[in-house]
Amino acid sequence: MRRAPPAAVGPVTKRPEGRGAGWWERRPLRERFHSPSRSAESGPGRVRLVLAGAIAFASACAVFWPSVGYSFLNWDDSVYILDNPWIRALTWSNVRDVFAQPYFQNYLPLHLLSYMLDYALWGLKASGYHLSSVLLHGVNSILCLGVVRRMSGSLAIAFVAALLFAVHPCHVEAVAWVSSRKEVLSTTFMLLSLLF
């Protein structure tokens, strides 16, 4: 059974003979602002997209992998991680404190919540905190691929942009310095907001 075409938004005026669609012709919002659905992608297109995402993720992780062996820095890492009583246990009381009041003159609840998760997984092993930052940067590279693909409509352009994002040296401070996790997390949520 055939489905009826989607109803147009607003009045539709017939276009003059022999001319393409112009400003007077309205299309449904879905056609104007949304990329094609994932289910509409062909099998090879989906494989290319997954492969491009995997390469972007692997490139980001490979470039920043040496930071996993680093220790905590003596700048803010001691304040945010080593001496922070709120991250010592993933409890409702600590989560409430993180969201209710600033810590060290900053109100960054998701930043501190990520340290709580790290502490629950790794204790005070610096390599675990660095690994989390590297993996988040890899995820951000995949999100960059998705955002640029949606904006440009081209997987090739998105792949190049994601690779540049993944390996660009401007991310060194955000990824390699554990206290700068707030930048990696804010990038994650910024890219998610652009994608969805």
C-alpha atoms as a PDB file:
ATOM      1  CA  MET A   1       0.000   0.000   0.000  1.00  0.00           C
ATOM      2  CA  ARG A   2       1.415   3.390  -0.966  1.00  0.00           C
ATOM      3  CA  ARG A   3       1.827   6.112   1.597  1.00  0.00           C
ATOM      4  CA  ALA A   4       0.660   9.613   0.828  1.00  0.00           C
ATOM      5  CA  PRO A   5       3.410  12.200   0.529  1.00  0.00           C
ATOM      6  CA  PRO A   6       3.894  14.370   3.613  1.00  0.00           C
ATOM      7  CA  ALA A   7       1.776  17.474   3.773  1.00  0.00           C
ATOM      8  CA  ALA A   8       3.567  20.689   2.966  1.00  0.00           C
ATOM      9  CA  VAL A   9       4.061  23.316   5.614  1.00  0.00           C
ATOM     10  CA  GLY A  10       2.202  26.483   4.664  1.00  0.00           C
ATOM     11  CA  PRO A  11       0.603  27.293   1.344  1.00  0.00           C
ATOM     12  CA  VAL A  12       2.025  25.749  -1.778  1.00  0.00           C
ATOM     13  CA  THR A  13       2.042  27.808  -4.920  1.00  0.00           C
ATOM     14  CA  LYS A  14       2.463  26.257  -8.319  1.00  0.00           C
ATOM     15  CA  ARG A  15       5.774  27.079  -9.853  1.00  0.00           C
ATOM     16  CA  PRO A  16       6.012  28.601 -13.299  1.00  0.00           C
ATOM     17  CA  GLU A  17       6.527  26.173 -16.135  1.00  0.00           C
ATOM     18  CA  GLY A  18      10.114  25.305 -16.948  1.00  0.00           C
ATOM     19  CA  ARG A  19      11.571  26.591 -13.694  1.00  0.00           C
ATOM     20  CA  GLY A  20      13.013  24.833 -10.666  1.00  0.00           C
ATOM     21  CA  ALA A  21      11.791  25.157  -7.115  1.00  0.00           C
ATOM     22  CA  GLY A  22      12.065  28.671  -5.760  1.00  0.00           C
ATOM     23  CA  TRP A  23      11.405  30.652  -2.633  1.00  0.00           C
ATOM     24  CA  TRP A  24       7.642  30.529  -3.245  1.00  0.00           C
ATOM     25  CA  GLU A  25       7.501  26.775  -2.918  1.00  0.00           C
ATOM     26  CA  ARG A  26       7.553  25.373   0.581  1.00  0.00           C
ATOM     27  CA  ARG A  27       8.824  21.947   1.465  1.00  0.00           C
ATOM     28  CA  PRO A  28       8.147  20.004   4.647  1.00  0.00           C
ATOM     29  CA  LEU A  29      10.446  20.867   7.529  1.00  0.00           C
ATOM     30  CA  ARG A  30      11.860  17.344   7.591  1.00  0.00           C
ATOM     31  CA  GLU A  31      13.105  17.755   4.020  1.00  0.00           C
ATOM     32  CA  ARG A  32      14.570  21.197   4.659  1.00  0.00           C
ATOM     33  CA  PHE A  33      16.443  20.695   7.921  1.00  0.00           C
ATOM     34  CA  HIS A  34      17.096  17.024   8.527  1.00  0.00           C
ATOM     35  CA  SER A  35      19.608  14.769   6.924  1.00  0.00           C
ATOM     36  CA  PRO A  36      18.388  11.486   5.468  1.00  0.00           C
ATOM     37  CA  SER A  37      17.505   8.907   8.055  1.00  0.00           C
ATOM     38  CA  ARG A  38      20.043   6.278   8.962  1.00  0.00           C
ATOM     39  CA  SER A  39      17.717   3.544   7.759  1.00  0.00           C
ATOM     40  CA  ALA A  40      17.820   5.109   4.289  1.00  0.00           C
ATOM     41  CA  GLU A  41      21.592   4.666   4.036  1.00  0.00           C
ATOM     42  CA  SER A  42      22.836   1.865   1.872  1.00  0.00           C
ATOM     43  CA  GLY A  43      24.921  -0.988   3.247  1.00  0.00           C
ATOM     44  CA  PRO A  44      28.242   0.225   1.761  1.00  0.00           C
ATOM     45  CA  GLY A  45      27.509   3.794   2.933  1.00  0.00           C
ATOM     46  CA  ARG A  46      26.930   2.596   6.464  1.00  0.00           C
ATOM     47  CA  VAL A  47      30.133   0.531   6.389  1.00  0.00           C
ATOM     48  CA  ARG A  48      32.104   3.585   5.210  1.00  0.00           C
ATOM     49  CA  LEU A  49      30.592   5.703   7.987  1.00  0.00           C
ATOM     50  CA  VAL A  50      31.443   3.141  10.681  1.00  0.00           C
ATOM     51  CA  LEU A  51      34.954   2.718   9.256  1.00  0.00           C
ATOM     52  CA  ALA A  52      35.512   6.495   9.180  1.00  0.00           C
ATOM     53  CA  GLY A  53      34.327   6.760  12.797  1.00  0.00           C
ATOM     54  CA  ALA A  54      36.601   3.905  13.875  1.00  0.00           C
ATOM     55  CA  ILE A  55      39.605   5.488  12.148  1.00  0.00           C
ATOM     56  CA  ALA A  56      38.885   8.890  13.732  1.00  0.00           C
ATOM     57  CA  PHE A  57      38.534   7.295  17.176  1.00  0.00           C
ATOM     58  CA  ALA A  58      41.695   5.216  16.755  1.00  0.00           C
ATOM     59  CA  SER A  59      43.669   8.228  15.485  1.00  0.00           C
ATOM     60  CA  ALA A  60      42.651  10.347  18.477  1.00  0.00           C
ATOM     61  CA  CYS A  61      43.505   7.580  20.913  1.00  0.00           C
ATOM     62  CA  ALA A  62      46.815   6.766  19.202  1.00  0.00           C
ATOM     63  CA  VAL A  63      48.033  10.359  19.201  1.00  0.00           C
ATOM     64  CA  PHE A  64      47.176  10.965  22.867  1.00  0.00           C
ATOM     65  CA  TRP A  65      47.960   7.461  24.158  1.00  0.00           C
ATOM     66  CA  PRO A  66      51.354   8.455  25.632  1.00  0.00           C
ATOM     67  CA  SER A  67      49.508  10.662  28.142  1.00  0.00           C
ATOM     68  CA  VAL A  68      48.126   7.507  29.805  1.00  0.00           C
ATOM     69  CA  GLY A  69      51.553   7.000  31.338  1.00  0.00           C
ATOM     70  CA  TYR A  70      51.714  10.496  32.823  1.00  0.00           C
ATOM     71  CA  SER A  71      51.251  11.249  36.505  1.00  0.00           C
ATOM     72  CA  PHE A  72      49.114  13.958  38.067  1.00  0.00           C
ATOM     73  CA  LEU A  73      50.402  17.508  37.687  1.00  0.00           C
ATOM     74  CA  ASN A  74      51.089  19.668  40.696  1.00  0.00           C
ATOM     75  CA  TRP A  75      48.913  22.555  39.437  1.00  0.00           C
ATOM     76  CA  ASP A  76      45.224  21.789  39.965  1.00  0.00           C
ATOM     77  CA  ASP A  77      45.250  17.995  39.978  1.00  0.00           C
ATOM     78  CA  SER A  78      45.930  17.885  43.690  1.00  0.00           C
ATOM     79  CA  VAL A  79      42.994  20.191  44.419  1.00  0.00           C
ATOM     80  CA  TYR A  80      40.480  18.557  42.062  1.00  0.00           C
ATOM     81  CA  ILE A  81      41.496  14.926  42.570  1.00  0.00           C
ATOM     82  CA  LEU A  82      44.026  14.109  45.263  1.00  0.00           C
ATOM     83  CA  ASP A  83      42.601  16.355  48.021  1.00  0.00           C
ATOM     84  CA  ASN A  84      38.952  16.388  46.923  1.00  0.00           C
ATOM     85  CA  PRO A  85      36.722  14.656  49.510  1.00  0.00           C
ATOM     86  CA  TRP A  86      33.645  14.707  47.242  1.00  0.00           C
ATOM     87  CA  ILE A  87      35.049  12.289  44.651  1.00  0.00           C
ATOM     88  CA  ARG A  88      36.074   9.636  47.198  1.00  0.00           C
ATOM     89  CA  ALA A  89      32.748   7.833  47.046  1.00  0.00           C
ATOM     90  CA  LEU A  90      29.944   7.712  44.514  1.00  0.00           C
ATOM     91  CA  THR A  91      27.150   8.395  47.030  1.00  0.00           C
ATOM     92  CA  TRP A  92      23.959  10.456  46.867  1.00  0.00           C
ATOM     93  CA  SER A  93      25.388  12.790  49.482  1.00  0.00           C
ATOM     94  CA  ASN A  94      28.485  13.520  47.385  1.00  0.00           C
ATOM     95  CA  VAL A  95      26.478  13.835  44.170  1.00  0.00           C
ATOM     96  CA  ARG A  96      24.146  16.294  45.918  1.00  0.00           C
ATOM     97  CA  ASP A  97      27.134  18.303  47.169  1.00  0.00           C
ATOM     98  CA  VAL A  98      28.689  18.390  43.712  1.00  0.00           C
ATOM     99  CA  PHE A  99      25.472  19.740  42.166  1.00  0.00           C
ATOM    100  CA  ALA A 100      24.538  22.032  45.082  1.00  0.00           C
ATOM    101  CA  GLN A 101      27.652  24.108  45.645  1.00  0.00           C
ATOM    102  CA  PRO A 102      30.838  25.193  43.890  1.00  0.00           C
ATOM    103  CA  TYR A 103      34.135  23.510  44.574  1.00  0.00           C
ATOM    104  CA  PHE A 104      37.435  25.425  44.446  1.00  0.00           C
ATOM    105  CA  GLN A 105      35.628  28.563  43.214  1.00  0.00           C
ATOM    106  CA  ASN A 106      34.111  26.682  40.250  1.00  0.00           C
ATOM    107  CA  TYR A 107      30.686  25.230  39.693  1.00  0.00           C
ATOM    108  CA  LEU A 108      31.462  22.232  37.476  1.00  0.00           C
ATOM    109  CA  PRO A 109      29.257  19.333  38.590  1.00  0.00           C
ATOM    110  CA  LEU A 110      29.735  17.056  35.557  1.00  0.00           C
ATOM    111  CA  HIS A 111      33.469  17.599  35.747  1.00  0.00           C
ATOM    112  CA  LEU A 112      33.540  16.424  39.368  1.00  0.00           C
ATOM    113  CA  LEU A 113      31.053  13.641  38.656  1.00  0.00           C
ATOM    114  CA  SER A 114      33.440  12.277  36.024  1.00  0.00           C
ATOM    115  CA  TYR A 115      36.179  12.234  38.680  1.00  0.00           C
ATOM    116  CA  MET A 116      33.837  10.316  40.988  1.00  0.00           C
ATOM    117  CA  LEU A 117      33.401   7.676  38.295  1.00  0.00           C
ATOM    118  CA  ASP A 118      37.149   7.577  37.716  1.00  0.00           C
ATOM    119  CA  TYR A 119      37.831   7.211  41.429  1.00  0.00           C
ATOM    120  CA  ALA A 120      35.310   4.357  41.618  1.00  0.00           C
ATOM    121  CA  LEU A 121      37.101   2.613  38.731  1.00  0.00           C
ATOM    122  CA  TRP A 122      40.764   3.472  39.282  1.00  0.00           C
ATOM    123  CA  GLY A 123      41.202   4.845  42.785  1.00  0.00           C
ATOM    124  CA  LEU A 124      44.047   7.354  42.635  1.00  0.00           C
ATOM    125  CA  LYS A 125      45.901   5.790  39.691  1.00  0.00           C
ATOM    126  CA  ALA A 126      46.669   8.658  37.343  1.00  0.00           C
ATOM    127  CA  SER A 127      46.726   6.371  34.308  1.00  0.00           C
ATOM    128  CA  GLY A 128      43.001   5.651  34.676  1.00  0.00           C
ATOM    129  CA  TYR A 129      42.106   9.345  34.728  1.00  0.00           C
ATOM    130  CA  HIS A 130      44.266   9.952  31.654  1.00  0.00           C
ATOM    131  CA  LEU A 131      42.701   6.959  29.898  1.00  0.00           C
ATOM    132  CA  SER A 132      39.237   8.400  30.508  1.00  0.00           C
ATOM    133  CA  SER A 133      40.276  11.709  28.967  1.00  0.00           C
ATOM    134  CA  VAL A 134      41.805   9.987  25.941  1.00  0.00           C
ATOM    135  CA  LEU A 135      38.669   7.882  25.378  1.00  0.00           C
ATOM    136  CA  LEU A 136      36.444  10.946  25.713  1.00  0.00           C
ATOM    137  CA  HIS A 137      38.552  12.714  23.098  1.00  0.00           C
ATOM    138  CA  GLY A 138      38.143   9.697  20.818  1.00  0.00           C
ATOM    139  CA  VAL A 139      34.366   9.872  21.269  1.00  0.00           C
ATOM    140  CA  ASN A 140      34.504  13.599  20.507  1.00  0.00           C
ATOM    141  CA  SER A 141      36.273  12.793  17.236  1.00  0.00           C
ATOM    142  CA  ILE A 142      33.423  10.485  16.260  1.00  0.00           C
ATOM    143  CA  LEU A 143      30.890  13.149  17.207  1.00  0.00           C
ATOM    144  CA  CYS A 144      32.833  15.682  15.113  1.00  0.00           C
ATOM    145  CA  LEU A 145      32.533  13.306  12.160  1.00  0.00           C
ATOM    146  CA  GLY A 146      28.773  13.127  12.652  1.00  0.00           C
ATOM    147  CA  VAL A 147      28.308  16.880  13.038  1.00  0.00           C
ATOM    148  CA  VAL A 148      30.369  17.816   9.988  1.00  0.00           C
ATOM    149  CA  ARG A 149      28.712  15.083   7.929  1.00  0.00           C
ATOM    150  CA  ARG A 150      25.308  16.444   8.841  1.00  0.00           C
ATOM    151  CA  MET A 151      26.384  20.016   8.042  1.00  0.00           C
ATOM    152  CA  SER A 152      28.183  19.303   4.781  1.00  0.00           C
ATOM    153  CA  GLY A 153      26.396  16.199   3.563  1.00  0.00           C
ATOM    154  CA  SER A 154      29.765  14.721   2.578  1.00  0.00           C
ATOM    155  CA  LEU A 155      31.430  11.828   4.329  1.00  0.00           C
ATOM    156  CA  ALA A 156      34.809  12.724   2.788  1.00  0.00           C
ATOM    157  CA  ILE A 157      34.726  16.277   4.177  1.00  0.00           C
ATOM    158  CA  ALA A 158      33.520  14.979   7.545  1.00  0.00           C
ATOM    159  CA  PHE A 159      36.292  12.382   7.663  1.00  0.00           C
ATOM    160  CA  VAL A 160      39.025  14.955   6.985  1.00  0.00           C
ATOM    161  CA  ALA A 161      37.539  17.321   9.580  1.00  0.00           C
ATOM    162  CA  ALA A 162      37.302  14.529  12.166  1.00  0.00           C
ATOM    163  CA  LEU A 163      40.910  13.491  11.551  1.00  0.00           C
ATOM    164  CA  LEU A 164      42.100  17.079  11.925  1.00  0.00           C
ATOM    165  CA  PHE A 165      40.061  17.387  15.112  1.00  0.00           C
ATOM    166  CA  ALA A 166      41.443  14.087  16.419  1.00  0.00           C
ATOM    167  CA  VAL A 167      45.135  14.897  15.979  1.00  0.00           C
ATOM    168  CA  HIS A 168      45.252  18.684  16.289  1.00  0.00           C
ATOM    169  CA  PRO A 169      47.780  19.842  18.891  1.00  0.00           C
ATOM    170  CA  CYS A 170      45.371  22.407  20.353  1.00  0.00           C
ATOM    171  CA  HIS A 171      43.767  19.517  22.281  1.00  0.00           C
ATOM    172  CA  VAL A 172      46.939  18.545  24.142  1.00  0.00           C
ATOM    173  CA  GLU A 173      46.199  20.560  27.268  1.00  0.00           C
ATOM    174  CA  ALA A 174      42.566  19.434  27.453  1.00  0.00           C
ATOM    175  CA  VAL A 175      43.381  15.739  27.010  1.00  0.00           C
ATOM    176  CA  ALA A 176      46.732  15.355  28.766  1.00  0.00           C
ATOM    177  CA  TRP A 177      46.008  17.495  31.833  1.00  0.00           C
ATOM    178  CA  VAL A 178      43.459  15.714  34.015  1.00  0.00           C
ATOM    179  CA  SER A 179      42.137  18.916  35.630  1.00  0.00           C
ATOM    180  CA  SER A 180      41.256  20.201  32.184  1.00  0.00           C
ATOM    181  CA  ARG A 181      38.702  17.421  31.702  1.00  0.00           C
ATOM    182  CA  LYS A 182      36.030  20.111  31.799  1.00  0.00           C
ATOM    183  CA  GLU A 183      37.044  21.147  28.279  1.00  0.00           C
ATOM    184  CA  VAL A 184      36.769  17.614  26.918  1.00  0.00           C
ATOM    185  CA  LEU A 185      33.377  17.143  28.596  1.00  0.00           C
ATOM    186  CA  SER A 186      32.027  20.480  27.403  1.00  0.00           C
ATOM    187  CA  THR A 187      33.114  19.587  23.868  1.00  0.00           C
ATOM    188  CA  THR A 188      31.236  16.292  24.160  1.00  0.00           C
ATOM    189  CA  PHE A 189      28.000  18.010  25.128  1.00  0.00           C
ATOM    190  CA  MET A 190      28.454  20.791  22.589  1.00  0.00           C
ATOM    191  CA  LEU A 191      28.897  18.286  19.758  1.00  0.00           C
ATOM    192  CA  LEU A 192      25.952  16.225  21.013  1.00  0.00           C
ATOM    193  CA  SER A 193      23.765  19.328  21.019  1.00  0.00           C
ATOM    194  CA  LEU A 194      24.750  20.070  17.421  1.00  0.00           C
ATOM    195  CA  LEU A 195      24.173  16.484  16.338  1.00  0.00           C
ATOM    196  CA  PHE A 196      20.818  15.940  17.989  1.00  0.00           C
END
